[in-house]
């Protein structure tokens, strides 16, 4: 693999350890293989997660998943269920899961600077009995992602503190980058105007969230 402009590249774990050092006993002991009461409570109050997957060719994908707090169902100490709500039909993450079941999840709670990390093995489900439990306004997801937990631990707040993610007075103006509609319009060579595309997107958000 070409490293392009990257020159002094670390190439072994021993080099990494020489630079970073060893994890503390506490950092190691905080990991569990089950969803304990703290993890369950965090998931029950989380409206958002990031799902990381990888195909057999190594190409990776990270997909956001969001809904009302508790939208992810904890079935037992080692199994959880993520509904697949309507999206863009690219199914990048689910295609990866079909090839390679290993997944990584990060759960967030707005205002909280710690996060919950869950690693495990996933399957794509169409089990009606389970999908029925994730109905919203009478609408069922067509599919869900089931995860068997292998590793579970809380991640400290340092990244959020450095990024000042929840500090509203540090947020940039909404127009610091082009709008989603503008970027989509330019990248896909739309014949409509940006304003028309934005109106169309807003209508979809109102009628096609579920």
Protein backbone atom coordinates (compact mmCIF):
# COMPACT_ATOMS: atom_id res chain seq x y z
CA UNK A 1 0.00 0.00 0.00
CA UNK A 2 1.31 3.42 -0.90
CA UNK A 3 1.57 5.76 2.07
CA UNK A 4 1.52 8.85 -0.15
CA UNK A 5 2.50 11.95 1.87
CA UNK A 6 2.80 9.94 5.11
CA UNK A 7 6.49 9.37 5.89
CA UNK A 8 7.31 8.06 9.37
CA UNK A 9 4.75 5.26 9.53
CA UNK A 10 4.36 2.96 12.56
CA UNK A 11 4.33 -0.63 11.34
CA UNK A 12 4.20 -2.87 14.41
CA UNK A 13 2.43 -3.16 17.75
CA UNK A 14 5.77 -3.02 19.54
CA UNK A 15 6.41 0.41 18.00
CA UNK A 16 2.95 1.51 19.06
CA UNK A 17 3.49 0.35 22.63
CA UNK A 18 6.84 2.14 22.80
CA UNK A 19 5.04 5.38 21.95
CA UNK A 20 1.72 4.94 23.74
CA UNK A 21 2.62 2.73 26.69
CA UNK A 22 0.50 0.03 28.33
CA UNK A 23 -3.17 0.40 29.30
CA UNK A 24 -3.91 0.74 33.00
CA UNK A 25 -5.40 -2.13 34.97
CA UNK A 26 -8.62 -0.14 35.22
CA UNK A 27 -8.79 0.29 31.42
CA UNK A 28 -8.51 -3.46 30.99
CA UNK A 29 -10.88 -4.46 33.79
CA UNK A 30 -13.71 -2.19 32.62
CA UNK A 31 -14.35 -4.50 29.64
CA UNK A 32 -17.05 -7.15 29.97
CA UNK A 33 -18.56 -9.74 27.64
CA UNK A 34 -22.14 -8.99 28.71
CA UNK A 35 -24.56 -6.08 28.86
CA UNK A 36 -24.66 -5.31 32.58
CA UNK A 37 -27.14 -2.97 34.25
CA UNK A 38 -25.07 0.09 33.41
CA UNK A 39 -24.83 -0.81 29.70
CA UNK A 40 -28.54 -1.65 29.55
CA UNK A 41 -29.46 1.70 31.09
CA UNK A 42 -27.21 3.56 28.68
CA UNK A 43 -28.71 1.79 25.65
CA UNK A 44 -32.24 2.38 26.94
CA UNK A 45 -31.56 6.13 27.00
CA UNK A 46 -29.54 6.39 23.79
CA UNK A 47 -31.24 7.85 20.68
CA UNK A 48 -28.19 7.44 18.46
CA UNK A 49 -25.41 5.00 17.62
CA UNK A 50 -22.69 4.48 15.05
CA UNK A 51 -22.38 1.04 13.45
CA UNK A 52 -18.97 0.06 12.07
CA UNK A 53 -18.65 -2.84 9.62
CA UNK A 54 -16.07 -4.25 7.22
CA UNK A 55 -16.34 -6.40 4.10
CA UNK A 56 -14.09 -9.34 3.30
CA UNK A 57 -12.01 -7.03 1.11
CA UNK A 58 -11.30 -4.79 4.11
CA UNK A 59 -13.42 -1.87 2.91
CA UNK A 60 -15.11 -0.30 5.91
CA UNK A 61 -18.36 1.52 6.56
CA UNK A 62 -19.70 3.47 9.53
CA UNK A 63 -23.43 4.05 9.51
CA UNK A 64 -25.46 6.30 11.86
CA UNK A 65 -28.61 4.83 13.41
CA UNK A 66 -31.07 6.95 15.32
CA UNK A 67 -34.57 6.96 16.79
CA UNK A 68 -36.29 7.59 20.10
CA UNK A 69 -34.37 6.55 23.24
CA UNK A 70 -34.67 2.80 23.64
CA UNK A 71 -35.01 2.12 19.92
CA UNK A 72 -32.34 -0.57 20.27
CA UNK A 73 -33.79 -3.60 22.04
CA UNK A 74 -31.71 -5.50 24.56
CA UNK A 75 -32.97 -9.08 24.35
CA UNK A 76 -30.71 -10.54 27.05
CA UNK A 77 -27.22 -10.14 28.50
CA UNK A 78 -25.51 -10.81 25.18
CA UNK A 79 -27.97 -9.94 22.41
CA UNK A 80 -29.38 -6.66 21.12
CA UNK A 81 -31.45 -5.67 18.13
CA UNK A 82 -31.19 -2.57 15.91
CA UNK A 83 -34.15 -1.72 13.63
CA UNK A 84 -33.37 -0.78 10.04
CA UNK A 85 -35.54 2.25 9.31
CA UNK A 86 -36.09 3.57 5.74
CA UNK A 87 -32.95 5.11 4.26
CA UNK A 88 -31.16 5.45 0.95
CA UNK A 89 -31.21 1.69 0.17
CA UNK A 90 -27.42 1.53 -0.25
CA UNK A 91 -27.29 -1.16 2.50
CA UNK A 92 -23.50 -0.74 2.77
CA UNK A 93 -23.37 -1.97 6.35
CA UNK A 94 -25.72 -4.90 5.88
CA UNK A 95 -23.84 -6.05 2.77
CA UNK A 96 -20.69 -6.03 4.86
CA UNK A 97 -22.37 -8.04 7.62
CA UNK A 98 -23.36 -10.72 5.11
CA UNK A 99 -19.67 -11.07 4.23
CA UNK A 100 -18.10 -10.44 7.64
CA UNK A 101 -20.22 -10.52 10.80
CA UNK A 102 -17.83 -8.56 13.03
CA UNK A 103 -19.24 -5.16 14.02
CA UNK A 104 -18.41 -2.28 16.35
CA UNK A 105 -21.03 0.02 17.92
CA UNK A 106 -20.74 3.33 19.74
CA UNK A 107 -23.83 4.50 21.65
CA UNK A 108 -24.26 8.19 22.49
CA UNK A 109 -26.57 10.11 24.82
CA UNK A 110 -26.91 13.85 24.06
CA UNK A 111 -25.09 15.90 26.66
CA UNK A 112 -23.12 12.92 27.98
CA UNK A 113 -19.41 12.93 27.18
CA UNK A 114 -18.84 9.24 27.90
CA UNK A 115 -19.92 6.66 25.33
CA UNK A 116 -20.69 2.95 25.33
CA UNK A 117 -18.71 0.73 22.97
CA UNK A 118 -20.01 -2.70 22.00
CA UNK A 119 -18.17 -5.13 19.73
CA UNK A 120 -19.59 -8.41 18.52
CA UNK A 121 -20.98 -10.48 15.69
CA UNK A 122 -24.05 -9.46 13.70
CA UNK A 123 -26.76 -10.99 11.54
CA UNK A 124 -29.42 -9.43 9.33
CA UNK A 125 -32.88 -10.52 10.51
CA UNK A 126 -36.42 -10.58 9.14
CA UNK A 127 -37.93 -12.34 12.18
CA UNK A 128 -41.51 -11.07 12.33
CA UNK A 129 -41.88 -11.69 16.04
CA UNK A 130 -38.88 -9.46 16.77
CA UNK A 131 -39.72 -6.82 14.17
CA UNK A 132 -43.19 -6.47 15.72
CA UNK A 133 -41.52 -5.20 18.89
CA UNK A 134 -39.99 -2.26 17.00
CA UNK A 135 -43.12 -0.84 15.42
CA UNK A 136 -43.49 2.95 15.31
CA UNK A 137 -46.93 4.39 14.54
CA UNK A 138 -47.97 1.00 13.19
CA UNK A 139 -45.01 0.79 10.80
CA UNK A 140 -42.58 -2.10 11.09
CA UNK A 141 -38.98 -2.11 9.92
CA UNK A 142 -38.42 -4.54 7.05
CA UNK A 143 -35.21 -5.78 8.61
CA UNK A 144 -33.17 -5.55 11.78
CA UNK A 145 -29.56 -6.14 12.74
CA UNK A 146 -29.05 -8.57 15.58
CA UNK A 147 -25.78 -8.35 17.51
CA UNK A 148 -24.23 -10.98 19.77
CA UNK A 149 -22.05 -9.08 22.24
CA UNK A 150 -18.41 -10.08 22.64
CA UNK A 151 -16.95 -6.93 24.22
CA UNK A 152 -18.64 -4.09 26.07
CA UNK A 153 -17.09 -1.12 27.84
CA UNK A 154 -17.56 2.58 28.51
CA UNK A 155 -15.23 5.08 26.85
CA UNK A 156 -13.99 8.12 28.75
CA UNK A 157 -15.06 11.70 27.85
CA UNK A 158 -11.69 13.04 26.66
CA UNK A 159 -12.55 13.16 22.94
CA UNK A 160 -15.81 15.00 23.63
CA UNK A 161 -14.11 17.44 25.97
CA UNK A 162 -11.40 18.17 23.39
CA UNK A 163 -13.98 18.56 20.64
CA UNK A 164 -16.40 20.54 22.87
CA UNK A 165 -19.14 18.62 21.11
CA UNK A 166 -22.01 19.51 23.42
CA UNK A 167 -20.98 23.12 24.11
CA UNK A 168 -23.46 25.10 22.06
CA UNK A 169 -21.46 28.30 22.38
CA UNK A 170 -18.61 26.55 20.53
CA UNK A 171 -20.73 25.35 17.62
CA UNK A 172 -19.96 26.92 14.22
CA UNK A 173 -22.61 28.71 12.19
CA UNK A 174 -24.84 26.31 10.25
CA UNK A 175 -23.61 27.73 6.94
CA UNK A 176 -19.89 27.18 7.64
CA UNK A 177 -20.06 24.40 5.04
CA UNK A 178 -22.49 23.96 2.16
CA UNK A 179 -25.88 22.52 3.00
CA UNK A 180 -26.64 18.84 2.44
CA UNK A 181 -29.00 19.84 -0.38
CA UNK A 182 -26.29 21.96 -2.05
CA UNK A 183 -23.70 19.17 -1.88
CA UNK A 184 -26.17 16.57 -3.13
CA UNK A 185 -27.29 18.87 -5.94
CA UNK A 186 -23.75 19.49 -7.17
CA UNK A 187 -22.49 15.93 -6.84
CA UNK A 188 -25.45 14.33 -8.60
CA UNK A 189 -25.97 16.96 -11.32
CA UNK A 190 -29.61 17.57 -10.46
CA UNK A 191 -31.72 19.47 -13.01
CA UNK A 192 -33.86 21.06 -10.30
CA UNK A 193 -32.72 24.02 -8.22
CA UNK A 194 -31.08 23.63 -4.83
CA UNK A 195 -34.18 25.15 -3.24
CA UNK A 196 -36.45 22.62 -4.98
CA UNK A 197 -34.22 19.74 -3.90
CA UNK A 198 -34.19 21.01 -0.33
CA UNK A 199 -37.99 21.22 -0.30
CA UNK A 200 -38.21 17.67 -1.67
CA UNK A 201 -35.86 16.38 1.02
CA UNK A 202 -37.82 18.10 3.78
CA UNK A 203 -41.03 16.51 2.51
CA UNK A 204 -39.40 13.07 2.61
CA UNK A 205 -38.26 13.67 6.18
CA UNK A 206 -41.87 14.38 7.12
CA UNK A 207 -43.45 11.41 5.34
CA UNK A 208 -40.79 8.69 5.04
CA UNK A 209 -38.98 8.46 8.39
CA UNK A 210 -40.73 5.16 9.07
